[in-house]
Amino acid sequence: MTGLSTQGRLAPLGAAVTAVAERLRPSVVTIENGSGGAGAGVIWSADGLIITNDHVVPGERTRVRLGSQDVVLARVVGRDRLNDLAALRVPREGLAPAEVGDSRTLRPGQIVLAMGHPMGLSHALTLGIVSALPSDDDERELIRADLALAPGNSGGPMVDAAGRVVGINAMVASPGVALAVPSHVVADFVEHIGEPTPWLGITALPVVLPPALRRRVGVAAGLMITAVERGGPAETAGLLPGDVIVAIAEEPVRHPRHLLEALARTPAGGDLDLVILRGGQGHRLRVTPAHRAPQADAPPARSAA
């Protein structure tokens, strides 16, 4: 009796999961990268825009298998290497886009599902819960969920119980633990595809300051500049290799994404008010970012700006 009662209570959940899978399947494509591997992608708009992971498409063109089993050639129209995102365009109209939800409404404990093609299994589904959400101290904004993913899930959707995309699955943190790029980060990426990108001309890495310096300046971490591009905005402003950026307009900078987010908010012709450490002393510098046409083969945004 107990078993039958439990089965009866679970039946509505099973029906709901089945309905989500059926609704989602036409919106999830297979990315064939030409090296024997495959990943997944999400149809973002009916006019042929597909979102996947940057690492799934190493070249500028790839083959995409649609839900109809048609295989079409796709070209890369945008990349965000910091967040491991790539945008593809296929010459098709009338595709079935996934419904996109707002990842900022997620809470730990919510049920999520992932769809992809793990180990060659087409449109396989797995179910779990959100275990942790991004914080300001994270180098990247990633949703952590208790989901069993495998090669072939990369670039596929993480959806909520209503079937709305709340993330793009990016990696397996450990067995049974998946990380996904939040849908609000993806939506911002999509909004700016094709736009000129702000650029400083530096390469920088996150560093933790020595305890003595930390106590003296009241800052625990920052971005150390390892290279300055000749003729770029950073060189013009006087930035040097070895400088440590610790704040932008009084906001702490601990990870490359903090700098990239500040760059994205800066209008053409606007300045960044940087607080740097040089030789252990604090300085202020104003830098005017340049804007350049998007390049699909630009250096990884994780360390370059």
C-alpha atoms as a PDB file:
ATOM      1  CA  MET A   1       0.000   0.000   0.000  1.00  0.00           C
ATOM      2  CA  THR A   2       2.819   2.371   0.899  1.00  0.00           C
ATOM      3  CA  GLY A   3       4.567   1.771  -2.422  1.00  0.00           C
ATOM      4  CA  LEU A   4       1.377   2.359  -4.381  1.00  0.00           C
ATOM      5  CA  SER A   5       0.706   5.542  -2.432  1.00  0.00           C
ATOM      6  CA  THR A   6       4.202   6.862  -3.166  1.00  0.00           C
ATOM      7  CA  GLN A   7       3.857   5.977  -6.812  1.00  0.00           C
ATOM      8  CA  GLY A   8       0.562   7.845  -6.931  1.00  0.00           C
ATOM      9  CA  ARG A   9       2.116  10.949  -5.424  1.00  0.00           C
ATOM     10  CA  LEU A  10       5.015  10.855  -7.902  1.00  0.00           C
ATOM     11  CA  ALA A  11       2.808  10.384 -10.954  1.00  0.00           C
ATOM     12  CA  PRO A  12       2.052  14.124 -11.407  1.00  0.00           C
ATOM     13  CA  LEU A  13       5.797  14.922 -11.212  1.00  0.00           C
ATOM     14  CA  GLY A  14       6.568  12.269 -13.802  1.00  0.00           C
ATOM     15  CA  ALA A  15       3.894  13.607 -16.130  1.00  0.00           C
ATOM     16  CA  ALA A  16       5.201  17.147 -15.718  1.00  0.00           C
ATOM     17  CA  VAL A  17       8.775  16.088 -16.512  1.00  0.00           C
ATOM     18  CA  THR A  18       7.591  14.210 -19.594  1.00  0.00           C
ATOM     19  CA  ALA A  19       5.674  17.267 -20.780  1.00  0.00           C
ATOM     20  CA  VAL A  20       8.741  19.488 -20.310  1.00  0.00           C
ATOM     21  CA  ALA A  21      10.896  17.056 -22.271  1.00  0.00           C
ATOM     22  CA  GLU A  22       8.455  16.900 -25.173  1.00  0.00           C
ATOM     23  CA  ARG A  23       8.159  20.671 -25.333  1.00  0.00           C
ATOM     24  CA  LEU A  24      11.907  21.237 -25.080  1.00  0.00           C
ATOM     25  CA  ARG A  25      13.133  18.607 -27.542  1.00  0.00           C
ATOM     26  CA  PRO A  26      12.493  20.602 -30.792  1.00  0.00           C
ATOM     27  CA  SER A  27      14.528  23.503 -29.360  1.00  0.00           C
ATOM     28  CA  VAL A  28      17.672  21.489 -28.573  1.00  0.00           C
ATOM     29  CA  VAL A  29      20.092  20.845 -31.437  1.00  0.00           C
ATOM     30  CA  THR A  30      23.216  18.762 -31.849  1.00  0.00           C
ATOM     31  CA  ILE A  31      26.492  20.579 -32.538  1.00  0.00           C
ATOM     32  CA  GLU A  32      28.856  18.432 -34.597  1.00  0.00           C
ATOM     33  CA  ASN A  33      32.276  19.989 -34.257  1.00  0.00           C
ATOM     34  CA  GLY A  34      33.977  17.881 -36.926  1.00  0.00           C
ATOM     35  CA  SER A  35      36.517  16.209 -34.629  1.00  0.00           C
ATOM     36  CA  GLY A  36      34.315  13.273 -33.713  1.00  0.00           C
ATOM     37  CA  GLY A  37      32.819  15.102 -30.778  1.00  0.00           C
ATOM     38  CA  ALA A  38      29.414  16.625 -30.318  1.00  0.00           C
ATOM     39  CA  GLY A  39      27.670  19.005 -28.002  1.00  0.00           C
ATOM     40  CA  ALA A  40      24.266  20.576 -27.648  1.00  0.00           C
ATOM     41  CA  GLY A  41      22.804  23.962 -28.478  1.00  0.00           C
ATOM     42  CA  VAL A  42      19.605  25.874 -27.772  1.00  0.00           C
ATOM     43  CA  ILE A  43      17.517  27.548 -30.456  1.00  0.00           C
ATOM     44  CA  TRP A  44      17.260  31.089 -29.112  1.00  0.00           C
ATOM     45  CA  SER A  45      15.158  32.662 -31.838  1.00  0.00           C
ATOM     46  CA  ALA A  46      13.056  31.398 -34.739  1.00  0.00           C
ATOM     47  CA  ASP A  47      15.272  33.134 -37.315  1.00  0.00           C
ATOM     48  CA  GLY A  48      18.181  30.738 -36.779  1.00  0.00           C
ATOM     49  CA  LEU A  49      20.092  32.019 -33.725  1.00  0.00           C
ATOM     50  CA  ILE A  50      21.505  29.177 -31.625  1.00  0.00           C
ATOM     51  CA  ILE A  51      23.380  29.455 -28.319  1.00  0.00           C
ATOM     52  CA  THR A  52      25.960  26.927 -27.173  1.00  0.00           C
ATOM     53  CA  ASN A  53      29.289  26.842 -25.311  1.00  0.00           C
ATOM     54  CA  ASP A  54      32.357  28.500 -26.763  1.00  0.00           C
ATOM     55  CA  HIS A  55      34.406  25.338 -26.204  1.00  0.00           C
ATOM     56  CA  VAL A  56      31.935  23.287 -28.271  1.00  0.00           C
ATOM     57  CA  VAL A  57      32.744  25.223 -31.485  1.00  0.00           C
ATOM     58  CA  PRO A  58      36.514  25.703 -31.825  1.00  0.00           C
ATOM     59  CA  GLY A  59      36.221  26.869 -35.453  1.00  0.00           C
ATOM     60  CA  GLU A  60      34.200  29.592 -37.120  1.00  0.00           C
ATOM     61  CA  ARG A  61      31.824  27.155 -38.806  1.00  0.00           C
ATOM     62  CA  THR A  62      30.223  23.955 -37.620  1.00  0.00           C
ATOM     63  CA  ARG A  63      27.486  21.515 -38.527  1.00  0.00           C
ATOM     64  CA  VAL A  64      24.207  21.569 -36.634  1.00  0.00           C
ATOM     65  CA  ARG A  65      21.660  18.771 -36.572  1.00  0.00           C
ATOM     66  CA  LEU A  66      18.173  20.150 -36.071  1.00  0.00           C
ATOM     67  CA  GLY A  67      15.249  18.342 -34.484  1.00  0.00           C
ATOM     68  CA  SER A  68      14.029  17.498 -37.994  1.00  0.00           C
ATOM     69  CA  GLN A  69      17.345  15.619 -38.429  1.00  0.00           C
ATOM     70  CA  ASP A  70      18.362  18.061 -41.151  1.00  0.00           C
ATOM     71  CA  VAL A  71      22.065  18.889 -40.912  1.00  0.00           C
ATOM     72  CA  VAL A  72      22.906  22.498 -41.766  1.00  0.00           C
ATOM     73  CA  LEU A  73      26.086  24.566 -41.754  1.00  0.00           C
ATOM     74  CA  ALA A  74      26.235  27.215 -39.033  1.00  0.00           C
ATOM     75  CA  ARG A  75      28.598  30.139 -38.682  1.00  0.00           C
ATOM     76  CA  VAL A  76      29.784  31.701 -35.434  1.00  0.00           C
ATOM     77  CA  VAL A  77      28.430  35.239 -35.066  1.00  0.00           C
ATOM     78  CA  GLY A  78      29.556  35.971 -31.513  1.00  0.00           C
ATOM     79  CA  ARG A  79      31.714  34.682 -28.688  1.00  0.00           C
ATOM     80  CA  ASP A  80      32.047  35.399 -24.976  1.00  0.00           C
ATOM     81  CA  ARG A  81      35.010  33.374 -23.813  1.00  0.00           C
ATOM     82  CA  LEU A  82      34.826  34.594 -20.236  1.00  0.00           C
ATOM     83  CA  ASN A  83      31.380  32.998 -19.902  1.00  0.00           C
ATOM     84  CA  ASP A  84      32.055  30.154 -22.369  1.00  0.00           C
ATOM     85  CA  LEU A  85      29.277  31.219 -24.750  1.00  0.00           C
ATOM     86  CA  ALA A  86      29.026  31.157 -28.533  1.00  0.00           C
ATOM     87  CA  ALA A  87      26.249  32.314 -30.831  1.00  0.00           C
ATOM     88  CA  LEU A  88      25.628  30.484 -34.114  1.00  0.00           C
ATOM     89  CA  ARG A  89      23.491  31.424 -37.063  1.00  0.00           C
ATOM     90  CA  VAL A  90      21.900  28.842 -39.359  1.00  0.00           C
ATOM     91  CA  PRO A  91      20.147  29.708 -42.634  1.00  0.00           C
ATOM     92  CA  ARG A  92      16.712  28.646 -41.455  1.00  0.00           C
ATOM     93  CA  GLU A  93      13.513  30.444 -40.527  1.00  0.00           C
ATOM     94  CA  GLY A  94      10.573  29.229 -38.489  1.00  0.00           C
ATOM     95  CA  LEU A  95      12.600  27.248 -35.952  1.00  0.00           C
ATOM     96  CA  ALA A  96      11.182  26.392 -32.524  1.00  0.00           C
ATOM     97  CA  PRO A  97      12.870  28.661 -29.951  1.00  0.00           C
ATOM     98  CA  ALA A  98      13.035  27.627 -26.327  1.00  0.00           C
ATOM     99  CA  GLU A  99      11.154  29.693 -23.778  1.00  0.00           C
ATOM    100  CA  VAL A 100      13.679  31.683 -21.760  1.00  0.00           C
ATOM    101  CA  GLY A 101      13.202  32.267 -18.040  1.00  0.00           C
ATOM    102  CA  ASP A 102      14.890  34.671 -15.625  1.00  0.00           C
ATOM    103  CA  SER A 103      17.733  32.972 -13.782  1.00  0.00           C
ATOM    104  CA  ARG A 104      17.703  35.747 -11.175  1.00  0.00           C
ATOM    105  CA  THR A 105      14.484  34.308  -9.743  1.00  0.00           C
ATOM    106  CA  LEU A 106      16.069  30.916  -9.014  1.00  0.00           C
ATOM    107  CA  ARG A 107      16.429  29.748  -5.437  1.00  0.00           C
ATOM    108  CA  PRO A 108      18.416  26.857  -3.952  1.00  0.00           C
ATOM    109  CA  GLY A 109      16.273  23.741  -3.793  1.00  0.00           C
ATOM    110  CA  GLN A 110      14.317  24.436  -6.975  1.00  0.00           C
ATOM    111  CA  ILE A 111      13.940  21.551  -9.405  1.00  0.00           C
ATOM    112  CA  VAL A 112      15.866  21.911 -12.664  1.00  0.00           C
ATOM    113  CA  LEU A 113      16.292  19.659 -15.681  1.00  0.00           C
ATOM    114  CA  ALA A 114      19.020  19.414 -18.291  1.00  0.00           C
ATOM    115  CA  MET A 115      18.797  18.156 -21.856  1.00  0.00           C
ATOM    116  CA  GLY A 116      21.654  17.241 -24.159  1.00  0.00           C
ATOM    117  CA  HIS A 117      23.302  14.389 -25.984  1.00  0.00           C
ATOM    118  CA  PRO A 118      25.569  12.687 -23.423  1.00  0.00           C
ATOM    119  CA  MET A 119      27.615   9.772 -24.747  1.00  0.00           C
ATOM    120  CA  GLY A 120      25.708   9.917 -28.022  1.00  0.00           C
ATOM    121  CA  LEU A 121      22.258   9.600 -26.448  1.00  0.00           C
ATOM    122  CA  SER A 122      20.069  12.084 -28.309  1.00  0.00           C
ATOM    123  CA  HIS A 123      18.010  14.495 -26.192  1.00  0.00           C
ATOM    124  CA  ALA A 124      18.678  12.689 -22.929  1.00  0.00           C
ATOM    125  CA  LEU A 125      17.091  14.284 -19.859  1.00  0.00           C
ATOM    126  CA  THR A 126      18.338  14.467 -16.290  1.00  0.00           C
ATOM    127  CA  LEU A 127      16.710  15.989 -13.196  1.00  0.00           C
ATOM    128  CA  GLY A 128      18.115  17.592 -10.058  1.00  0.00           C
ATOM    129  CA  ILE A 129      17.976  20.662  -7.844  1.00  0.00           C
ATOM    130  CA  VAL A 130      19.729  24.006  -7.673  1.00  0.00           C
ATOM    131  CA  SER A 131      22.355  23.737  -4.943  1.00  0.00           C
ATOM    132  CA  ALA A 132      24.036  27.175  -5.136  1.00  0.00           C
ATOM    133  CA  LEU A 133      23.715  30.475  -6.991  1.00  0.00           C
ATOM    134  CA  PRO A 134      26.365  32.978  -8.128  1.00  0.00           C
ATOM    135  CA  SER A 135      27.785  35.482  -5.643  1.00  0.00           C
ATOM    136  CA  ASP A 136      29.705  38.717  -6.090  1.00  0.00           C
ATOM    137  CA  ASP A 137      32.907  36.944  -5.057  1.00  0.00           C
ATOM    138  CA  ASP A 138      32.738  34.405  -7.879  1.00  0.00           C
ATOM    139  CA  GLU A 139      35.088  34.836 -10.813  1.00  0.00           C
ATOM    140  CA  ARG A 140      32.198  33.895 -13.111  1.00  0.00           C
ATOM    141  CA  GLU A 141      28.443  33.841 -12.669  1.00  0.00           C
ATOM    142  CA  LEU A 142      27.530  30.153 -12.616  1.00  0.00           C
ATOM    143  CA  ILE A 143      24.548  28.194 -11.333  1.00  0.00           C
ATOM    144  CA  ARG A 144      25.512  25.068  -9.430  1.00  0.00           C
ATOM    145  CA  ALA A 145      23.049  22.165  -9.589  1.00  0.00           C
ATOM    146  CA  ASP A 146      22.966  18.532  -8.545  1.00  0.00           C
ATOM    147  CA  LEU A 147      22.663  17.149 -12.072  1.00  0.00           C
ATOM    148  CA  ALA A 148      24.376  14.194 -13.697  1.00  0.00           C
ATOM    149  CA  LEU A 149      25.951  15.509 -16.910  1.00  0.00           C
ATOM    150  CA  ALA A 150      28.458  13.975 -19.310  1.00  0.00           C
ATOM    151  CA  PRO A 151      30.275  14.913 -22.544  1.00  0.00           C
ATOM    152  CA  GLY A 152      27.575  15.887 -25.021  1.00  0.00           C
ATOM    153  CA  ASN A 153      25.591  17.943 -22.501  1.00  0.00           C
ATOM    154  CA  SER A 154      27.779  21.017 -22.995  1.00  0.00           C
ATOM    155  CA  GLY A 155      25.839  23.894 -24.532  1.00  0.00           C
ATOM    156  CA  GLY A 156      22.459  22.369 -23.770  1.00  0.00           C
ATOM    157  CA  PRO A 157      19.741  23.974 -21.655  1.00  0.00           C
ATOM    158  CA  MET A 158      19.140  23.892 -17.939  1.00  0.00           C
ATOM    159  CA  VAL A 159      15.425  24.539 -17.467  1.00  0.00           C
ATOM    160  CA  ASP A 160      13.102  25.083 -14.546  1.00  0.00           C
ATOM    161  CA  ALA A 161      10.074  22.945 -13.755  1.00  0.00           C
ATOM    162  CA  ALA A 162       8.009  24.951 -16.246  1.00  0.00           C
ATOM    163  CA  GLY A 163      10.455  24.226 -19.070  1.00  0.00           C
ATOM    164  CA  ARG A 164      11.941  27.735 -19.227  1.00  0.00           C
ATOM    165  CA  VAL A 165      15.667  27.996 -19.939  1.00  0.00           C
ATOM    166  CA  VAL A 166      17.450  29.321 -16.860  1.00  0.00           C
ATOM    167  CA  GLY A 167      20.988  28.396 -17.889  1.00  0.00           C
ATOM    168  CA  ILE A 168      23.325  26.951 -20.504  1.00  0.00           C
ATOM    169  CA  ASN A 169      25.159  23.905 -19.193  1.00  0.00           C
ATOM    170  CA  ALA A 170      28.886  24.572 -19.296  1.00  0.00           C
ATOM    171  CA  MET A 171      30.810  21.989 -17.304  1.00  0.00           C
ATOM    172  CA  VAL A 172      30.840  19.216 -14.724  1.00  0.00           C
ATOM    173  CA  ALA A 173      32.343  20.443 -11.451  1.00  0.00           C
ATOM    174  CA  SER A 174      32.429  16.921  -9.983  1.00  0.00           C
ATOM    175  CA  PRO A 175      30.401  13.751 -10.517  1.00  0.00           C
ATOM    176  CA  GLY A 176      26.748  14.688 -10.128  1.00  0.00           C
ATOM    177  CA  VAL A 177      27.434  18.423  -9.881  1.00  0.00           C
ATOM    178  CA  ALA A 178      26.903  20.657 -12.938  1.00  0.00           C
ATOM    179  CA  LEU A 179      27.649  24.316 -13.610  1.00  0.00           C
ATOM    180  CA  ALA A 180      25.560  26.446 -15.969  1.00  0.00           C
ATOM    181  CA  VAL A 181      25.781  30.008 -17.292  1.00  0.00           C
ATOM    182  CA  PRO A 182      22.689  31.890 -16.009  1.00  0.00           C
ATOM    183  CA  SER A 183      20.105  32.853 -18.616  1.00  0.00           C
ATOM    184  CA  HIS A 184      20.327  36.555 -17.733  1.00  0.00           C
ATOM    185  CA  VAL A 185      24.048  36.467 -18.636  1.00  0.00           C
ATOM    186  CA  VAL A 186      23.168  34.733 -21.916  1.00  0.00           C
ATOM    187  CA  ALA A 187      20.458  37.281 -22.682  1.00  0.00           C
ATOM    188  CA  ASP A 188      22.925  40.141 -22.169  1.00  0.00           C
ATOM    189  CA  PHE A 189      25.402  38.406 -24.488  1.00  0.00           C
ATOM    190  CA  VAL A 190      22.731  37.974 -27.159  1.00  0.00           C
ATOM    191  CA  GLU A 191      21.666  41.609 -26.877  1.00  0.00           C
ATOM    192  CA  HIS A 192      25.168  42.823 -27.746  1.00  0.00           C
ATOM    193  CA  ILE A 193      26.075  40.403 -30.554  1.00  0.00           C
ATOM    194  CA  GLY A 194      27.677  42.326 -33.394  1.00  0.00           C
ATOM    195  CA  GLU A 195      28.268  45.510 -31.428  1.00  0.00           C
ATOM    196  CA  PRO A 196      31.752  47.052 -31.159  1.00  0.00           C
ATOM    197  CA  THR A 197      33.415  45.916 -27.952  1.00  0.00           C
ATOM    198  CA  PRO A 198      35.088  48.260 -25.435  1.00  0.00           C
ATOM    199  CA  TRP A 199      38.787  47.589 -25.112  1.00  0.00           C
ATOM    200  CA  LEU A 200      41.648  48.697 -22.844  1.00  0.00           C
ATOM    201  CA  GLY A 201      44.564  46.739 -24.279  1.00  0.00           C
ATOM    202  CA  ILE A 202      45.703  44.879 -21.168  1.00  0.00           C
ATOM    203  CA  THR A 203      46.110  41.338 -19.969  1.00  0.00           C
ATOM    204  CA  ALA A 204      45.445  40.868 -16.256  1.00  0.00           C
ATOM    205  CA  LEU A 205      45.214  38.095 -13.704  1.00  0.00           C
ATOM    206  CA  PRO A 206      43.497  38.006 -10.286  1.00  0.00           C
ATOM    207  CA  VAL A 207      45.889  38.202  -7.347  1.00  0.00           C
ATOM    208  CA  VAL A 208      45.621  38.099  -3.556  1.00  0.00           C
ATOM    209  CA  LEU A 209      47.637  40.842  -1.871  1.00  0.00           C
ATOM    210  CA  PRO A 210      50.265  39.967   0.763  1.00  0.00           C
ATOM    211  CA  PRO A 211      48.954  40.288   4.336  1.00  0.00           C
ATOM    212  CA  ALA A 212      51.094  43.323   5.209  1.00  0.00           C
ATOM    213  CA  LEU A 213      49.992  45.255   2.088  1.00  0.00           C
ATOM    214  CA  ARG A 214      46.414  44.134   2.622  1.00  0.00           C
ATOM    215  CA  ARG A 215      46.397  45.606   6.113  1.00  0.00           C
ATOM    216  CA  ARG A 216      47.978  48.863   4.943  1.00  0.00           C
ATOM    217  CA  VAL A 217      45.703  49.577   1.979  1.00  0.00           C
ATOM    218  CA  GLY A 218      42.550  47.862   3.223  1.00  0.00           C
ATOM    219  CA  VAL A 219      42.141  45.781   0.067  1.00  0.00           C
ATOM    220  CA  ALA A 220      42.462  42.001  -0.116  1.00  0.00           C
ATOM    221  CA  ALA A 221      42.694  41.322  -3.854  1.00  0.00           C
ATOM    222  CA  GLY A 222      42.797  42.855  -7.313  1.00  0.00           C
ATOM    223  CA  LEU A 223      43.822  42.369 -10.937  1.00  0.00           C
ATOM    224  CA  MET A 224      47.530  42.492 -11.710  1.00  0.00           C
ATOM    225  CA  ILE A 225      48.347  43.769 -15.197  1.00  0.00           C
ATOM    226  CA  THR A 226      50.774  41.373 -16.881  1.00  0.00           C
ATOM    227  CA  ALA A 227      50.928  43.036 -20.312  1.00  0.00           C
ATOM    228  CA  VAL A 228      49.986  46.382 -21.861  1.00  0.00           C
ATOM    229  CA  GLU A 229      49.341  46.582 -25.587  1.00  0.00           C
ATOM    230  CA  ARG A 230      51.427  49.186 -27.372  1.00  0.00           C
ATOM    231  CA  GLY A 231      49.354  52.135 -28.544  1.00  0.00           C
ATOM    232  CA  GLY A 232      46.258  50.982 -26.663  1.00  0.00           C
ATOM    233  CA  PRO A 233      44.098  53.031 -24.277  1.00  0.00           C
ATOM    234  CA  ALA A 234      45.824  51.593 -21.201  1.00  0.00           C
ATOM    235  CA  GLU A 235      49.291  52.626 -22.396  1.00  0.00           C
ATOM    236  CA  THR A 236      47.990  56.086 -23.306  1.00  0.00           C
ATOM    237  CA  ALA A 237      46.601  56.467 -19.777  1.00  0.00           C
ATOM    238  CA  GLY A 238      49.906  55.417 -18.214  1.00  0.00           C
ATOM    239  CA  LEU A 239      49.103  51.917 -16.974  1.00  0.00           C
ATOM    240  CA  LEU A 240      52.129  49.641 -16.583  1.00  0.00           C
ATOM    241  CA  PRO A 241      52.755  45.900 -16.212  1.00  0.00           C
ATOM    242  CA  GLY A 242      52.795  45.144 -12.493  1.00  0.00           C
ATOM    243  CA  ASP A 243      50.064  47.662 -11.640  1.00  0.00           C
ATOM    244  CA  VAL A 244      47.237  46.112  -9.624  1.00  0.00           C
ATOM    245  CA  ILE A 245      43.720  47.372 -10.291  1.00  0.00           C
ATOM    246  CA  VAL A 246      41.840  47.238  -6.994  1.00  0.00           C
ATOM    247  CA  ALA A 247      38.749  49.375  -7.700  1.00  0.00           C
ATOM    248  CA  ILE A 248      36.746  51.079 -10.425  1.00  0.00           C
ATOM    249  CA  ALA A 249      34.785  54.124  -9.267  1.00  0.00           C
ATOM    250  CA  GLU A 250      35.064  52.877  -5.658  1.00  0.00           C
ATOM    251  CA  GLU A 251      33.722  49.412  -6.547  1.00  0.00           C
ATOM    252  CA  PRO A 252      36.176  46.609  -5.626  1.00  0.00           C
ATOM    253  CA  VAL A 253      37.721  44.613  -8.455  1.00  0.00           C
ATOM    254  CA  ARG A 254      38.609  41.043  -7.556  1.00  0.00           C
ATOM    255  CA  HIS A 255      38.029  39.133 -10.798  1.00  0.00           C
ATOM    256  CA  PRO A 256      38.313  39.803 -14.538  1.00  0.00           C
ATOM    257  CA  ARG A 257      34.528  39.798 -14.829  1.00  0.00           C
ATOM    258  CA  HIS A 258      34.314  42.875 -12.590  1.00  0.00           C
ATOM    259  CA  LEU A 259      36.498  44.781 -15.059  1.00  0.00           C
ATOM    260  CA  LEU A 260      34.637  43.414 -18.082  1.00  0.00           C
ATOM    261  CA  GLU A 261      31.264  44.336 -16.573  1.00  0.00           C
ATOM    262  CA  ALA A 262      32.506  47.874 -15.922  1.00  0.00           C
ATOM    263  CA  LEU A 263      33.768  48.088 -19.508  1.00  0.00           C
ATOM    264  CA  ALA A 264      30.396  46.947 -20.824  1.00  0.00           C
ATOM    265  CA  ARG A 265      28.641  49.704 -18.859  1.00  0.00           C
ATOM    266  CA  THR A 266      30.948  52.431 -20.176  1.00  0.00           C
ATOM    267  CA  PRO A 267      29.449  54.382 -23.100  1.00  0.00           C
ATOM    268  CA  ALA A 268      31.556  55.316 -26.121  1.00  0.00           C
ATOM    269  CA  GLY A 269      33.776  58.218 -25.121  1.00  0.00           C
ATOM    270  CA  GLY A 270      33.274  57.565 -21.403  1.00  0.00           C
ATOM    271  CA  ASP A 271      36.042  57.020 -18.848  1.00  0.00           C
ATOM    272  CA  LEU A 272      36.911  54.389 -16.280  1.00  0.00           C
ATOM    273  CA  ASP A 273      38.106  55.781 -12.942  1.00  0.00           C
ATOM    274  CA  LEU A 274      40.677  53.201 -11.832  1.00  0.00           C
ATOM    275  CA  VAL A 275      42.293  52.847  -8.418  1.00  0.00           C
ATOM    276  CA  ILE A 276      45.601  51.028  -8.784  1.00  0.00           C
ATOM    277  CA  LEU A 277      48.500  49.953  -6.606  1.00  0.00           C
ATOM    278  CA  ARG A 278      51.969  50.678  -7.950  1.00  0.00           C
ATOM    279  CA  GLY A 279      54.959  49.892  -5.798  1.00  0.00           C
ATOM    280  CA  GLY A 280      52.608  49.435  -2.867  1.00  0.00           C
ATOM    281  CA  GLN A 281      51.184  52.944  -3.220  1.00  0.00           C
ATOM    282  CA  GLY A 282      47.672  53.900  -4.301  1.00  0.00           C
ATOM    283  CA  HIS A 283      47.089  55.951  -7.456  1.00  0.00           C
ATOM    284  CA  ARG A 284      44.104  57.042  -9.530  1.00  0.00           C
ATOM    285  CA  LEU A 285      44.064  56.912 -13.323  1.00  0.00           C
ATOM    286  CA  ARG A 286      41.324  57.684 -15.809  1.00  0.00           C
ATOM    287  CA  VAL A 287      41.230  55.497 -18.894  1.00  0.00           C
ATOM    288  CA  THR A 288      39.061  56.040 -21.980  1.00  0.00           C
ATOM    289  CA  PRO A 289      38.293  52.638 -23.536  1.00  0.00           C
ATOM    290  CA  ALA A 290      38.455  52.294 -27.293  1.00  0.00           C
ATOM    291  CA  HIS A 291      35.821  50.387 -29.238  1.00  0.00           C
ATOM    292  CA  ARG A 292      36.625  47.863 -31.931  1.00  0.00           C
ATOM    293  CA  ALA A 293      34.618  45.646 -34.224  1.00  0.00           C
ATOM    294  CA  PRO A 294      33.814  42.212 -32.743  1.00  0.00           C
ATOM    295  CA  GLN A 295      36.277  39.476 -33.597  1.00  0.00           C
ATOM    296  CA  ALA A 296      35.287  35.857 -33.201  1.00  0.00           C
ATOM    297  CA  ASP A 297      38.935  34.890 -32.700  1.00  0.00           C
ATOM    298  CA  ALA A 298      39.710  37.536 -30.058  1.00  0.00           C
ATOM    299  CA  PRO A 299      41.868  36.500 -27.065  1.00  0.00           C
ATOM    300  CA  PRO A 300      40.071  34.848 -24.143  1.00  0.00           C
ATOM    301  CA  ALA A 301      38.121  37.481 -22.211  1.00  0.00           C
ATOM    302  CA  ARG A 302      39.025  35.755 -18.937  1.00  0.00           C
ATOM    303  CA  SER A 303      42.428  37.489 -18.949  1.00  0.00           C
ATOM    304  CA  ALA A 304      42.250  40.150 -21.660  1.00  0.00           C
ATOM    305  CA  ALA A 305      40.331  43.429 -21.770  1.00  0.00           C
END
